[in-house]
Structures are given as structure tokens and as C-alpha cells.
Amino acid sequence: MATKEEIIEIIDKNHNQIELLIDKKIQIWTEYVLFSGLWWMGVGLSIIPWIIWFVIRKRDSTDRLLYTAFYIMAIAVISDILGDQLGLWHYRYHVIPVLPTYFPWDVTLMPLTIITLIQTKPNVNPWIKAVFFALVASYCAEPFFDWLGVYEPVHWRYSYSVPLQIILYMSAHALSKRNQFSRIEQ
């Protein structure tokens, strides 16, 4: 059995190796990715859809939809970090080099697509919207970013994403319908 000091030494050594790799990743990003066409595309995909949504959103639903969007962002970022760290996929052409996720997808495209679907034709069965979203995200968006060279599914198939996307959409839909918030009293 290792002592506490030996465990600390092993963990610190591993951490130092990770820091060196991150430094190398930032160096590669600065030299080859920053200001490249795919980097600019990522920046645009991170900002422009939010501007468009801000114009077309239902004004009286803004808070509810943003609440739902932040939930989607959190799940997307956590899922992407797990997938990347487990070696299921990885991204190139990061907008922000130290994030192992594709920022435009997790923080803009996925949440905005879902909340736009939620606010559009609200009487349509949410399961239909969930399946539509999952199929488009899994069989159009993922292959497109793979084709561009931004996304590399290593041990992942597009079909694996379909049920996860359906669950994400349905949970976001349920969350968007919540209205049991009490007022915060001073």
C-alpha cells in the first residue's frame, strides 16, 4: 500500500505532465489554429446565432428560455469533456485552446437550436421535435464538423448520439415548462 506522500508524488507528477501537454497544445493552437478560417468560423458560430436569437426570441419567454439554455450548456459541456477525456472523440480548431470541448456547439448551436425548437410551434408533440433534433444533430451536424476536420469521432458513432440527444431535448423541454418558482424575499 502506497503512503500518502507517495500518492501525492504520483498525482503531482501526473499533473505536471498534463500541464506540459496543455502548454504544448496552446503553442500549437497559437501557431496553427488561431486566426485560421476554421477558428474564425468557430468564433462566428459562437456569437452570430446569439444575436439572431436575441432578435427572433419570444420576449416574454426570454428568462425561461435562457434558464433552459444554461441547463443545456452545462450538460453539453460536461458530456463533451467526458467524451474527450475518455478518448471517444476529440476536437481540433478550438475557439478557446484550454477547453476540451467545441465551444460553438456546446454553448451556442446546441442550446439555441433546442430553445428555438421549444419556442417554435409549441403545440407540436415534443417527441417529434426531440427526434428531429437528434437526427439533424447526429446525422447532419456531427458529420459536417467531422468533414471539416473540426470533430474526430475516435470510438464513437453518430448513431450513439441519437438517444442522448433525444434525452437532452426532452429534459430541456420539461425544464422549460417549469413555473414553480417562489419569489425570493428580503
N, C-alpha and C. Protein backbone atom coordinates (compact mmCIF):
# COMPACT_ATOMS: atom_id res chain seq x y z
N MET A 1 0.85 -1.18 0.00
CA MET A 1 0.00 0.00 0.00
C MET A 1 0.89 1.24 0.00
N ALA A 2 0.57 2.16 -0.90
CA ALA A 2 1.35 3.40 -1.01
C ALA A 2 1.03 4.33 0.14
N THR A 3 2.03 5.07 0.54
CA THR A 3 1.82 6.05 1.60
C THR A 3 1.17 7.30 1.00
N LYS A 4 0.67 8.15 1.88
CA LYS A 4 0.05 9.39 1.44
C LYS A 4 1.04 10.22 0.63
N GLU A 5 2.28 10.29 1.06
CA GLU A 5 3.30 11.06 0.38
C GLU A 5 3.59 10.49 -1.01
N GLU A 6 3.62 9.16 -1.13
CA GLU A 6 3.85 8.53 -2.43
C GLU A 6 2.69 8.80 -3.39
N ILE A 7 1.47 8.76 -2.87
CA ILE A 7 0.29 9.04 -3.68
C ILE A 7 0.33 10.48 -4.16
N ILE A 8 0.67 11.39 -3.26
CA ILE A 8 0.77 12.81 -3.62
C ILE A 8 1.83 13.01 -4.69
N GLU A 9 2.95 12.33 -4.55
CA GLU A 9 4.03 12.45 -5.54
C GLU A 9 3.58 11.94 -6.91
N ILE A 10 2.88 10.82 -6.96
CA ILE A 10 2.38 10.26 -8.22
C ILE A 10 1.38 11.22 -8.87
N ILE A 11 0.46 11.73 -8.07
CA ILE A 11 -0.56 12.66 -8.59
C ILE A 11 0.09 13.94 -9.09
N ASP A 12 1.03 14.48 -8.33
CA ASP A 12 1.70 15.72 -8.75
C ASP A 12 2.52 15.51 -10.02
N LYS A 13 3.18 14.37 -10.14
CA LYS A 13 3.95 14.07 -11.35
C LYS A 13 3.01 14.00 -12.56
N ASN A 14 1.89 13.34 -12.40
CA ASN A 14 0.90 13.25 -13.47
C ASN A 14 0.38 14.64 -13.83
N HIS A 15 0.10 15.44 -12.83
CA HIS A 15 -0.40 16.80 -13.07
C HIS A 15 0.62 17.64 -13.83
N ASN A 16 1.88 17.50 -13.48
CA ASN A 16 2.94 18.25 -14.17
C ASN A 16 3.04 17.84 -15.64
N GLN A 17 2.86 16.55 -15.92
CA GLN A 17 2.87 16.08 -17.31
C GLN A 17 1.68 16.66 -18.08
N ILE A 18 0.52 16.72 -17.44
CA ILE A 18 -0.67 17.30 -18.07
C ILE A 18 -0.42 18.78 -18.37
N GLU A 19 0.17 19.50 -17.43
CA GLU A 19 0.47 20.92 -17.65
C GLU A 19 1.40 21.11 -18.84
N LEU A 20 2.39 20.25 -18.99
CA LEU A 20 3.31 20.34 -20.13
C LEU A 20 2.56 20.10 -21.44
N LEU A 21 1.65 19.14 -21.45
CA LEU A 21 0.86 18.86 -22.66
C LEU A 21 -0.07 20.02 -22.98
N ILE A 22 -0.66 20.62 -21.96
CA ILE A 22 -1.53 21.77 -22.19
C ILE A 22 -0.72 22.94 -22.75
N ASP A 23 0.47 23.16 -22.21
CA ASP A 23 1.34 24.21 -22.75
C ASP A 23 1.65 23.95 -24.22
N LYS A 24 1.92 22.69 -24.57
CA LYS A 24 2.20 22.33 -25.97
C LYS A 24 0.96 22.54 -26.82
N LYS A 25 -0.22 22.20 -26.28
CA LYS A 25 -1.47 22.39 -27.00
C LYS A 25 -1.70 23.88 -27.29
N ILE A 26 -1.45 24.73 -26.32
CA ILE A 26 -1.61 26.17 -26.51
C ILE A 26 -0.62 26.69 -27.55
N GLN A 27 0.60 26.18 -27.52
CA GLN A 27 1.61 26.58 -28.51
C GLN A 27 1.15 26.18 -29.92
N ILE A 28 0.66 24.97 -30.10
CA ILE A 28 0.16 24.51 -31.40
C ILE A 28 -1.03 25.36 -31.83
N TRP A 29 -1.94 25.61 -30.90
CA TRP A 29 -3.13 26.42 -31.19
C TRP A 29 -2.73 27.82 -31.65
N THR A 30 -1.81 28.43 -30.92
CA THR A 30 -1.37 29.79 -31.25
C THR A 30 -0.72 29.84 -32.63
N GLU A 31 0.07 28.82 -32.94
CA GLU A 31 0.81 28.82 -34.20
C GLU A 31 -0.02 28.41 -35.40
N TYR A 32 -0.95 27.45 -35.22
CA TYR A 32 -1.64 26.87 -36.37
C TYR A 32 -3.15 27.12 -36.43
N VAL A 33 -3.79 27.31 -35.29
CA VAL A 33 -5.25 27.40 -35.26
C VAL A 33 -5.75 28.84 -35.17
N LEU A 34 -5.18 29.59 -34.25
CA LEU A 34 -5.61 30.97 -34.02
C LEU A 34 -5.61 31.76 -35.33
N PHE A 35 -6.73 32.38 -35.63
CA PHE A 35 -6.95 33.20 -36.83
C PHE A 35 -7.03 32.40 -38.12
N SER A 36 -7.11 31.06 -38.02
CA SER A 36 -7.33 30.26 -39.23
C SER A 36 -8.81 30.39 -39.63
N GLY A 37 -9.14 29.93 -40.81
CA GLY A 37 -10.53 30.00 -41.27
C GLY A 37 -11.48 29.26 -40.36
N LEU A 38 -11.08 28.07 -39.91
CA LEU A 38 -11.96 27.29 -39.03
C LEU A 38 -12.07 27.91 -37.64
N TRP A 39 -11.02 28.60 -37.21
CA TRP A 39 -11.12 29.32 -35.93
C TRP A 39 -12.12 30.46 -36.07
N TRP A 40 -12.02 31.25 -37.16
CA TRP A 40 -12.96 32.36 -37.37
C TRP A 40 -14.39 31.83 -37.50
N MET A 41 -14.55 30.68 -38.17
CA MET A 41 -15.88 30.08 -38.26
C MET A 41 -16.41 29.78 -36.86
N GLY A 42 -15.57 29.22 -36.01
CA GLY A 42 -15.97 28.91 -34.64
C GLY A 42 -16.35 30.15 -33.86
N VAL A 43 -15.60 31.22 -34.03
CA VAL A 43 -15.92 32.49 -33.37
C VAL A 43 -17.27 32.99 -33.85
N GLY A 44 -17.48 32.95 -35.17
CA GLY A 44 -18.76 33.39 -35.73
C GLY A 44 -19.91 32.54 -35.23
N LEU A 45 -19.71 31.22 -35.19
CA LEU A 45 -20.77 30.32 -34.71
C LEU A 45 -21.03 30.49 -33.21
N SER A 46 -20.08 31.07 -32.51
CA SER A 46 -20.26 31.31 -31.07
C SER A 46 -21.05 32.58 -30.80
N ILE A 47 -21.00 33.55 -31.72
CA ILE A 47 -21.58 34.87 -31.47
C ILE A 47 -22.82 35.16 -32.31
N ILE A 48 -22.73 34.96 -33.61
CA ILE A 48 -23.81 35.37 -34.53
C ILE A 48 -25.15 34.71 -34.21
N PRO A 49 -25.20 33.40 -33.93
CA PRO A 49 -26.51 32.82 -33.61
C PRO A 49 -27.18 33.45 -32.38
N TRP A 50 -26.39 33.87 -31.40
CA TRP A 50 -26.97 34.54 -30.23
C TRP A 50 -27.60 35.88 -30.63
N ILE A 51 -26.96 36.60 -31.52
CA ILE A 51 -27.52 37.87 -32.00
C ILE A 51 -28.83 37.62 -32.72
N ILE A 52 -28.85 36.60 -33.60
CA ILE A 52 -30.08 36.27 -34.33
C ILE A 52 -31.17 35.86 -33.35
N TRP A 53 -30.83 35.00 -32.38
CA TRP A 53 -31.84 34.56 -31.41
C TRP A 53 -32.38 35.73 -30.62
N PHE A 54 -31.52 36.65 -30.25
CA PHE A 54 -31.95 37.80 -29.47
C PHE A 54 -33.01 38.60 -30.23
N VAL A 55 -32.90 38.64 -31.55
CA VAL A 55 -33.87 39.37 -32.37
C VAL A 55 -35.17 38.58 -32.53
N ILE A 56 -35.09 37.26 -32.73
CA ILE A 56 -36.29 36.47 -33.04
C ILE A 56 -36.97 35.83 -31.82
N ARG A 57 -36.37 35.94 -30.66
CA ARG A 57 -36.91 35.24 -29.49
C ARG A 57 -38.27 35.79 -29.10
N LYS A 58 -39.01 34.96 -28.36
CA LYS A 58 -40.26 35.44 -27.77
C LYS A 58 -39.88 36.23 -26.52
N ARG A 59 -40.12 37.51 -26.55
CA ARG A 59 -39.66 38.40 -25.49
C ARG A 59 -40.17 37.99 -24.11
N ASP A 60 -41.42 37.58 -24.04
CA ASP A 60 -41.98 37.23 -22.74
C ASP A 60 -41.49 35.88 -22.22
N SER A 61 -40.74 35.14 -23.04
CA SER A 61 -40.20 33.84 -22.62
C SER A 61 -38.69 33.86 -22.44
N THR A 62 -38.08 35.02 -22.53
CA THR A 62 -36.62 35.12 -22.51
C THR A 62 -36.01 34.44 -21.29
N ASP A 63 -36.50 34.77 -20.10
CA ASP A 63 -35.90 34.20 -18.88
C ASP A 63 -36.03 32.69 -18.85
N ARG A 64 -37.20 32.18 -19.18
CA ARG A 64 -37.44 30.74 -19.17
C ARG A 64 -36.54 30.04 -20.19
N LEU A 65 -36.41 30.63 -21.37
CA LEU A 65 -35.59 30.01 -22.41
C LEU A 65 -34.11 30.08 -22.08
N LEU A 66 -33.66 31.17 -21.50
CA LEU A 66 -32.25 31.26 -21.09
C LEU A 66 -31.94 30.28 -19.96
N TYR A 67 -32.87 30.12 -19.06
CA TYR A 67 -32.74 29.13 -17.97
C TYR A 67 -32.54 27.75 -18.59
N THR A 68 -33.34 27.43 -19.58
CA THR A 68 -33.23 26.14 -20.27
C THR A 68 -31.92 26.06 -21.04
N ALA A 69 -31.52 27.14 -21.70
CA ALA A 69 -30.28 27.14 -22.47
C ALA A 69 -29.06 26.89 -21.57
N PHE A 70 -29.05 27.49 -20.39
CA PHE A 70 -27.92 27.27 -19.48
C PHE A 70 -27.86 25.82 -19.00
N TYR A 71 -29.01 25.21 -18.81
CA TYR A 71 -29.06 23.79 -18.47
C TYR A 71 -28.44 22.96 -19.60
N ILE A 72 -28.84 23.24 -20.84
CA ILE A 72 -28.32 22.51 -21.99
C ILE A 72 -26.80 22.71 -22.10
N MET A 73 -26.35 23.95 -21.92
CA MET A 73 -24.91 24.23 -21.97
C MET A 73 -24.15 23.39 -20.95
N ALA A 74 -24.67 23.34 -19.74
CA ALA A 74 -23.98 22.59 -18.68
C ALA A 74 -23.88 21.11 -19.05
N ILE A 75 -24.98 20.52 -19.50
CA ILE A 75 -24.97 19.11 -19.88
C ILE A 75 -24.05 18.89 -21.07
N ALA A 76 -24.11 19.76 -22.06
CA ALA A 76 -23.29 19.61 -23.26
C ALA A 76 -21.80 19.70 -22.94
N VAL A 77 -21.42 20.68 -22.14
CA VAL A 77 -20.01 20.85 -21.79
C VAL A 77 -19.51 19.65 -20.99
N ILE A 78 -20.28 19.22 -20.00
CA ILE A 78 -19.88 18.07 -19.19
C ILE A 78 -19.75 16.82 -20.06
N SER A 79 -20.73 16.60 -20.93
CA SER A 79 -20.70 15.42 -21.81
C SER A 79 -19.50 15.47 -22.75
N ASP A 80 -19.23 16.64 -23.31
CA ASP A 80 -18.10 16.78 -24.23
C ASP A 80 -16.77 16.56 -23.51
N ILE A 81 -16.65 17.08 -22.31
CA ILE A 81 -15.42 16.87 -21.53
C ILE A 81 -15.23 15.39 -21.26
N LEU A 82 -16.30 14.72 -20.84
CA LEU A 82 -16.20 13.28 -20.56
C LEU A 82 -15.83 12.50 -21.82
N GLY A 83 -16.49 12.80 -22.94
CA GLY A 83 -16.19 12.10 -24.18
C GLY A 83 -14.76 12.31 -24.63
N ASP A 84 -14.28 13.54 -24.49
CA ASP A 84 -12.91 13.85 -24.87
C ASP A 84 -11.92 13.15 -23.95
N GLN A 85 -12.15 13.25 -22.65
CA GLN A 85 -11.21 12.67 -21.68
C GLN A 85 -11.19 11.14 -21.74
N LEU A 86 -12.31 10.53 -22.13
CA LEU A 86 -12.38 9.07 -22.25
C LEU A 86 -11.89 8.59 -23.62
N GLY A 87 -11.52 9.53 -24.48
CA GLY A 87 -10.99 9.16 -25.79
C GLY A 87 -12.04 8.74 -26.79
N LEU A 88 -13.30 9.12 -26.56
CA LEU A 88 -14.36 8.75 -27.50
C LEU A 88 -14.33 9.64 -28.74
N TRP A 89 -13.95 10.87 -28.56
CA TRP A 89 -13.81 11.84 -29.65
C TRP A 89 -12.88 12.95 -29.20
N HIS A 90 -12.50 13.78 -30.13
CA HIS A 90 -11.76 14.99 -29.77
C HIS A 90 -12.02 16.05 -30.83
N TYR A 91 -11.66 17.26 -30.49
CA TYR A 91 -11.87 18.40 -31.37
C TYR A 91 -10.55 19.04 -31.74
N ARG A 92 -10.54 19.59 -32.93
CA ARG A 92 -9.42 20.41 -33.39
C ARG A 92 -10.01 21.81 -33.63
N TYR A 93 -9.20 22.76 -33.85
CA TYR A 93 -9.66 24.12 -34.16
C TYR A 93 -10.54 24.69 -33.06
N HIS A 94 -10.07 24.53 -31.83
CA HIS A 94 -10.78 25.09 -30.68
C HIS A 94 -10.82 26.60 -30.77
N VAL A 95 -11.94 27.17 -30.35
CA VAL A 95 -12.02 28.62 -30.23
C VAL A 95 -11.20 29.06 -29.03
N ILE A 96 -11.30 28.29 -27.95
CA ILE A 96 -10.53 28.53 -26.73
C ILE A 96 -9.67 27.29 -26.50
N PRO A 97 -8.35 27.41 -26.51
CA PRO A 97 -7.50 26.22 -26.56
C PRO A 97 -7.51 25.33 -25.33
N VAL A 98 -7.81 25.86 -24.17
CA VAL A 98 -7.72 25.04 -22.96
C VAL A 98 -9.01 24.27 -22.68
N LEU A 99 -10.05 24.51 -23.47
CA LEU A 99 -11.29 23.76 -23.29
C LEU A 99 -11.27 22.53 -24.20
N PRO A 100 -11.54 21.35 -23.64
CA PRO A 100 -11.53 20.15 -24.48
C PRO A 100 -12.84 19.97 -25.25
N THR A 101 -13.66 21.00 -25.29
CA THR A 101 -14.94 20.92 -25.97
C THR A 101 -14.95 21.87 -27.16
N TYR A 102 -15.95 21.71 -28.03
CA TYR A 102 -16.10 22.66 -29.13
C TYR A 102 -17.09 23.70 -28.68
N PHE A 103 -16.57 24.82 -28.23
CA PHE A 103 -17.33 25.90 -27.63
C PHE A 103 -18.58 26.30 -28.44
N PRO A 104 -18.46 26.50 -29.77
CA PRO A 104 -19.65 26.91 -30.52
C PRO A 104 -20.80 25.91 -30.44
N TRP A 105 -20.48 24.63 -30.42
CA TRP A 105 -21.53 23.61 -30.37
C TRP A 105 -22.18 23.58 -28.99
N ASP A 106 -21.37 23.52 -27.95
CA ASP A 106 -21.89 23.35 -26.59
C ASP A 106 -22.56 24.60 -26.04
N VAL A 107 -22.06 25.76 -26.40
CA VAL A 107 -22.53 27.00 -25.76
C VAL A 107 -23.44 27.82 -26.67
N THR A 108 -23.48 27.50 -27.94
CA THR A 108 -24.34 28.27 -28.84
C THR A 108 -25.27 27.39 -29.66
N LEU A 109 -24.71 26.57 -30.53
CA LEU A 109 -25.54 25.86 -31.50
C LEU A 109 -26.54 24.90 -30.87
N MET A 110 -26.08 24.07 -29.95
CA MET A 110 -26.99 23.11 -29.33
C MET A 110 -28.06 23.81 -28.49
N PRO A 111 -27.70 24.67 -27.54
CA PRO A 111 -28.76 25.29 -26.74
C PRO A 111 -29.71 26.16 -27.56
N LEU A 112 -29.18 26.91 -28.52
CA LEU A 112 -30.06 27.78 -29.31
C LEU A 112 -30.98 26.98 -30.22
N THR A 113 -30.49 25.90 -30.77
CA THR A 113 -31.35 25.06 -31.60
C THR A 113 -32.49 24.49 -30.76
N ILE A 114 -32.17 24.00 -29.58
CA ILE A 114 -33.20 23.41 -28.72
C ILE A 114 -34.20 24.46 -28.26
N ILE A 115 -33.75 25.60 -27.79
CA ILE A 115 -34.72 26.58 -27.29
C ILE A 115 -35.53 27.20 -28.43
N THR A 116 -34.94 27.26 -29.63
CA THR A 116 -35.70 27.74 -30.78
C THR A 116 -36.79 26.72 -31.14
N LEU A 117 -36.45 25.44 -31.10
CA LEU A 117 -37.46 24.41 -31.35
C LEU A 117 -38.56 24.44 -30.28
N ILE A 118 -38.17 24.68 -29.04
CA ILE A 118 -39.16 24.74 -27.96
C ILE A 118 -40.13 25.89 -28.18
N GLN A 119 -39.62 27.05 -28.59
CA GLN A 119 -40.50 28.21 -28.72
C GLN A 119 -41.26 28.22 -30.05
N THR A 120 -40.81 27.45 -31.04
CA THR A 120 -41.46 27.40 -32.34
C THR A 120 -42.51 26.29 -32.34
N LYS A 121 -43.70 26.63 -32.76
CA LYS A 121 -44.81 25.67 -32.82
C LYS A 121 -44.91 24.88 -31.51
N PRO A 122 -45.21 25.56 -30.42
CA PRO A 122 -45.21 24.92 -29.10
C PRO A 122 -46.23 23.78 -28.94
N ASN A 123 -47.21 23.69 -29.82
CA ASN A 123 -48.21 22.62 -29.70
C ASN A 123 -47.82 21.33 -30.41
N VAL A 124 -46.71 21.34 -31.13
CA VAL A 124 -46.22 20.12 -31.78
C VAL A 124 -45.70 19.19 -30.69
N ASN A 125 -45.97 17.91 -30.86
CA ASN A 125 -45.52 16.90 -29.90
C ASN A 125 -44.01 17.03 -29.67
N PRO A 126 -43.57 17.20 -28.41
CA PRO A 126 -42.13 17.38 -28.15
C PRO A 126 -41.29 16.17 -28.56
N TRP A 127 -41.88 14.97 -28.59
CA TRP A 127 -41.13 13.79 -29.02
C TRP A 127 -40.75 13.91 -30.49
N ILE A 128 -41.64 14.49 -31.29
CA ILE A 128 -41.34 14.69 -32.70
C ILE A 128 -40.17 15.67 -32.83
N LYS A 129 -40.21 16.75 -32.06
CA LYS A 129 -39.12 17.72 -32.09
C LYS A 129 -37.83 17.10 -31.59
N ALA A 130 -37.92 16.28 -30.55
CA ALA A 130 -36.72 15.64 -29.98
C ALA A 130 -36.06 14.72 -31.01
N VAL A 131 -36.87 13.92 -31.68
CA VAL A 131 -36.33 13.01 -32.69
C VAL A 131 -35.75 13.81 -33.86
N PHE A 132 -36.46 14.85 -34.28
CA PHE A 132 -35.95 15.72 -35.35
C PHE A 132 -34.61 16.32 -34.97
N PHE A 133 -34.54 16.89 -33.77
CA PHE A 133 -33.28 17.49 -33.30
C PHE A 133 -32.17 16.45 -33.26
N ALA A 134 -32.46 15.28 -32.69
CA ALA A 134 -31.45 14.24 -32.55
C ALA A 134 -30.93 13.77 -33.90
N LEU A 135 -31.83 13.59 -34.86
CA LEU A 135 -31.41 13.13 -36.18
C LEU A 135 -30.58 14.18 -36.91
N VAL A 136 -31.01 15.43 -36.84
CA VAL A 136 -30.25 16.50 -37.50
C VAL A 136 -28.88 16.69 -36.83
N ALA A 137 -28.87 16.72 -35.50
CA ALA A 137 -27.60 16.90 -34.78
C ALA A 137 -26.65 15.73 -35.04
N SER A 138 -27.18 14.52 -35.01
CA SER A 138 -26.33 13.33 -35.11
C SER A 138 -25.91 13.00 -36.53
N TYR A 139 -26.81 13.21 -37.50
CA TYR A 139 -26.51 12.77 -38.87
C TYR A 139 -26.23 13.92 -39.85
N CYS A 140 -26.37 15.15 -39.39
CA CYS A 140 -26.01 16.30 -40.24
C CYS A 140 -24.88 17.10 -39.61
N ALA A 141 -25.09 17.56 -38.37
CA ALA A 141 -24.10 18.43 -37.72
C ALA A 141 -22.80 17.68 -37.42
N GLU A 142 -22.89 16.52 -36.78
CA GLU A 142 -21.67 15.79 -36.45
C GLU A 142 -20.87 15.42 -37.71
N PRO A 143 -21.50 14.84 -38.73
CA PRO A 143 -20.72 14.53 -39.95
C PRO A 143 -20.15 15.78 -40.63
N PHE A 144 -20.89 16.89 -40.57
CA PHE A 144 -20.40 18.13 -41.18
C PHE A 144 -19.12 18.60 -40.48
N PHE A 145 -19.13 18.63 -39.15
CA PHE A 145 -17.94 19.06 -38.42
C PHE A 145 -16.81 18.04 -38.54
N ASP A 146 -17.16 16.76 -38.69
CA ASP A 146 -16.17 15.73 -38.96
C ASP A 146 -15.54 15.98 -40.33
N TRP A 147 -16.35 16.25 -41.33
CA TRP A 147 -15.88 16.52 -42.69
C TRP A 147 -14.96 17.73 -42.72
N LEU A 148 -15.31 18.76 -41.94
CA LEU A 148 -14.46 19.96 -41.87
C LEU A 148 -13.12 19.68 -41.19
N GLY A 149 -13.06 18.62 -40.40
CA GLY A 149 -11.85 18.32 -39.65
C GLY A 149 -11.83 18.91 -38.26
N VAL A 150 -12.96 19.46 -37.83
CA VAL A 150 -13.06 20.07 -36.50
C VAL A 150 -13.29 18.98 -35.45
N TYR A 151 -14.06 17.97 -35.81
CA TYR A 151 -14.50 16.92 -34.88
C TYR A 151 -13.95 15.59 -35.36
N GLU A 152 -13.42 14.81 -34.44
CA GLU A 152 -12.88 13.50 -34.78
C GLU A 152 -13.49 12.44 -33.86
N PRO A 153 -14.49 11.70 -34.35
CA PRO A 153 -15.03 10.62 -33.53
C PRO A 153 -14.05 9.44 -33.55
N VAL A 154 -13.45 9.16 -32.42
CA VAL A 154 -12.43 8.12 -32.34
C VAL A 154 -13.08 6.77 -32.06
N HIS A 155 -13.78 6.68 -30.96
CA HIS A 155 -14.50 5.45 -30.58
C HIS A 155 -15.98 5.79 -30.43
N TRP A 156 -16.52 6.49 -31.38
CA TRP A 156 -17.89 6.98 -31.30
C TRP A 156 -18.51 6.90 -32.69
N ARG A 157 -19.77 6.54 -32.73
CA ARG A 157 -20.52 6.53 -33.98
C ARG A 157 -21.63 7.57 -33.87
N TYR A 158 -21.98 8.17 -34.97
CA TYR A 158 -23.03 9.20 -34.95
C TYR A 158 -24.31 8.66 -34.32
N SER A 159 -24.62 7.40 -34.58
CA SER A 159 -25.85 6.80 -34.05
C SER A 159 -25.89 6.77 -32.53
N TYR A 160 -24.73 6.71 -31.89
CA TYR A 160 -24.71 6.71 -30.43
C TYR A 160 -25.28 8.00 -29.87
N SER A 161 -25.17 9.08 -30.62
CA SER A 161 -25.64 10.38 -30.14
C SER A 161 -27.16 10.51 -30.15
N VAL A 162 -27.84 9.75 -31.01
CA VAL A 162 -29.28 9.94 -31.19
C VAL A 162 -30.06 9.81 -29.88
N PRO A 163 -29.95 8.70 -29.13
CA PRO A 163 -30.74 8.62 -27.89
C PRO A 163 -30.33 9.67 -26.86
N LEU A 164 -29.06 10.02 -26.83
CA LEU A 164 -28.60 11.04 -25.88
C LEU A 164 -29.18 12.40 -26.23
N GLN A 165 -29.23 12.71 -27.53
CA GLN A 165 -29.81 13.98 -27.96
C GLN A 165 -31.32 14.03 -27.66
N ILE A 166 -31.99 12.90 -27.84
CA ILE A 166 -33.43 12.85 -27.53
C ILE A 166 -33.65 13.10 -26.04
N ILE A 167 -32.86 12.45 -25.20
CA ILE A 167 -32.99 12.65 -23.75
C ILE A 167 -32.70 14.10 -23.39
N LEU A 168 -31.67 14.67 -23.97
CA LEU A 168 -31.33 16.07 -23.69
C LEU A 168 -32.49 16.98 -24.10
N TYR A 169 -33.02 16.78 -25.28
CA TYR A 169 -34.12 17.64 -25.73
C TYR A 169 -35.33 17.49 -24.80
N MET A 170 -35.70 16.26 -24.49
CA MET A 170 -36.90 16.05 -23.67
C MET A 170 -36.71 16.61 -22.26
N SER A 171 -35.53 16.48 -21.71
CA SER A 171 -35.30 17.05 -20.37
C SER A 171 -35.32 18.57 -20.43
N ALA A 172 -34.78 19.15 -21.50
CA ALA A 172 -34.82 20.60 -21.67
C ALA A 172 -36.26 21.07 -21.87
N HIS A 173 -37.03 20.31 -22.63
CA HIS A 173 -38.44 20.66 -22.84
C HIS A 173 -39.19 20.66 -21.50
N ALA A 174 -38.97 19.61 -20.70
CA ALA A 174 -39.63 19.53 -19.39
C ALA A 174 -39.21 20.70 -18.51
N LEU A 175 -37.94 21.02 -18.53
CA LEU A 175 -37.44 22.13 -17.72
C LEU A 175 -38.04 23.46 -18.17
N SER A 176 -38.22 23.62 -19.46
CA SER A 176 -38.78 24.88 -19.98
C SER A 176 -40.24 25.08 -19.59
N LYS A 177 -40.90 24.02 -19.20
CA LYS A 177 -42.32 24.12 -18.81
C LYS A 177 -42.49 24.38 -17.32
N ARG A 178 -41.41 24.36 -16.58
CA ARG A 178 -41.48 24.59 -15.13
C ARG A 178 -41.93 26.02 -14.85
N ASN A 179 -42.76 26.18 -13.86
CA ASN A 179 -43.18 27.53 -13.49
C ASN A 179 -43.37 27.66 -11.98
N GLN A 180 -42.80 26.76 -11.24
CA GLN A 180 -42.96 26.78 -9.79
C GLN A 180 -41.76 27.42 -9.11
N PHE A 181 -41.61 28.70 -9.34
CA PHE A 181 -40.54 29.44 -8.70
C PHE A 181 -41.16 30.35 -7.66
N SER A 182 -40.64 30.30 -6.46
CA SER A 182 -41.15 31.23 -5.44
C SER A 182 -40.32 32.50 -5.50
N ARG A 183 -40.91 33.55 -5.05
CA ARG A 183 -40.20 34.83 -5.01
C ARG A 183 -39.18 34.79 -3.87
N ILE A 184 -38.05 35.39 -4.10
CA ILE A 184 -37.03 35.48 -3.06
C ILE A 184 -37.38 36.69 -2.19
N GLU A 185 -37.58 36.43 -0.94
CA GLU A 185 -37.96 37.50 -0.01
C GLU A 185 -36.70 38.05 0.65
N GLN A 186 -36.72 39.34 0.87
CA GLN A 186 -35.59 40.01 1.51
C GLN A 186 -35.71 39.96 3.01
